[in-house]
């Protein structure tokens, strides 16, 4: 991401449930994801998180 506006757009798309289709333009293919939450155990890519 090259600007704060793009970062904000990514988080808006991600956190409002717009899915991978809306988020992928801001990410590298196979972008990794990690969290310290049991509910997200096994979710290891941004694509999986957004879906």
C-alpha atoms as a PDB file:
ATOM      1  CA  UNK A   1       0.000   0.000   0.000  1.00  0.00           C
ATOM      2  CA  UNK A   2       1.394   3.317  -0.942  1.00  0.00           C
ATOM      3  CA  UNK A   3      -0.713   5.800   1.001  1.00  0.00           C
ATOM      4  CA  UNK A   4      -2.686   6.237   4.185  1.00  0.00           C
ATOM      5  CA  UNK A   5      -5.838   6.513   2.072  1.00  0.00           C
ATOM      6  CA  UNK A   6      -5.220   3.084   0.541  1.00  0.00           C
ATOM      7  CA  UNK A   7      -4.532   1.651   3.988  1.00  0.00           C
ATOM      8  CA  UNK A   8      -7.818   3.077   5.247  1.00  0.00           C
ATOM      9  CA  UNK A   9      -9.656   1.712   2.191  1.00  0.00           C
ATOM     10  CA  UNK A  10      -8.179  -1.739   2.786  1.00  0.00           C
ATOM     11  CA  UNK A  11      -9.240  -1.802   6.439  1.00  0.00           C
ATOM     12  CA  UNK A  12     -12.689  -0.499   5.545  1.00  0.00           C
ATOM     13  CA  UNK A  13     -13.153  -3.259   2.943  1.00  0.00           C
ATOM     14  CA  UNK A  14     -11.719  -5.892   5.265  1.00  0.00           C
ATOM     15  CA  UNK A  15     -13.574  -5.003   8.441  1.00  0.00           C
ATOM     16  CA  UNK A  16     -16.952  -4.326   6.820  1.00  0.00           C
ATOM     17  CA  UNK A  17     -17.084  -7.795   5.276  1.00  0.00           C
ATOM     18  CA  UNK A  18     -16.626  -6.911   1.620  1.00  0.00           C
ATOM     19  CA  UNK A  19     -14.495 -10.032   1.142  1.00  0.00           C
ATOM     20  CA  UNK A  20     -11.357 -10.899  -0.734  1.00  0.00           C
ATOM     21  CA  UNK A  21     -12.630  -9.457  -4.021  1.00  0.00           C
ATOM     22  CA  UNK A  22     -12.606  -5.954  -2.518  1.00  0.00           C
ATOM     23  CA  UNK A  23      -9.400  -6.457  -0.491  1.00  0.00           C
ATOM     24  CA  UNK A  24      -7.113  -8.205  -2.956  1.00  0.00           C
ATOM     25  CA  UNK A  25      -6.198  -5.025  -4.841  1.00  0.00           C
ATOM     26  CA  UNK A  26      -4.356  -3.879  -1.701  1.00  0.00           C
ATOM     27  CA  UNK A  27      -2.455  -7.143  -1.052  1.00  0.00           C
ATOM     28  CA  UNK A  28       0.223  -9.338  -2.517  1.00  0.00           C
ATOM     29  CA  UNK A  29      -0.958 -12.790  -3.627  1.00  0.00           C
ATOM     30  CA  UNK A  30      -0.753 -15.208  -0.691  1.00  0.00           C
ATOM     31  CA  UNK A  31      -0.287 -12.370   1.827  1.00  0.00           C
ATOM     32  CA  UNK A  32       0.086 -13.943   5.257  1.00  0.00           C
ATOM     33  CA  UNK A  33      -2.077 -13.312   8.302  1.00  0.00           C
ATOM     34  CA  UNK A  34      -1.666 -14.124  11.965  1.00  0.00           C
ATOM     35  CA  UNK A  35      -3.663 -13.465  15.103  1.00  0.00           C
ATOM     36  CA  UNK A  36      -3.613 -14.478  18.746  1.00  0.00           C
ATOM     37  CA  UNK A  37      -7.253 -15.525  18.812  1.00  0.00           C
ATOM     38  CA  UNK A  38      -8.485 -19.096  19.070  1.00  0.00           C
ATOM     39  CA  UNK A  39     -11.367 -18.317  16.713  1.00  0.00           C
ATOM     40  CA  UNK A  40      -8.844 -17.580  13.941  1.00  0.00           C
ATOM     41  CA  UNK A  41      -6.686 -20.664  14.494  1.00  0.00           C
ATOM     42  CA  UNK A  42      -5.706 -22.036  11.084  1.00  0.00           C
ATOM     43  CA  UNK A  43      -6.423 -18.789   9.238  1.00  0.00           C
ATOM     44  CA  UNK A  44      -3.025 -17.950   7.778  1.00  0.00           C
ATOM     45  CA  UNK A  45      -3.665 -15.770   4.710  1.00  0.00           C
ATOM     46  CA  UNK A  46      -5.344 -12.397   4.295  1.00  0.00           C
ATOM     47  CA  UNK A  47      -7.613 -14.001   1.694  1.00  0.00           C
ATOM     48  CA  UNK A  48      -8.837 -16.585   4.214  1.00  0.00           C
ATOM     49  CA  UNK A  49      -9.382 -13.881   6.852  1.00  0.00           C
ATOM     50  CA  UNK A  50     -11.419 -11.678   4.521  1.00  0.00           C
ATOM     51  CA  UNK A  51     -13.607 -14.569   3.455  1.00  0.00           C
END
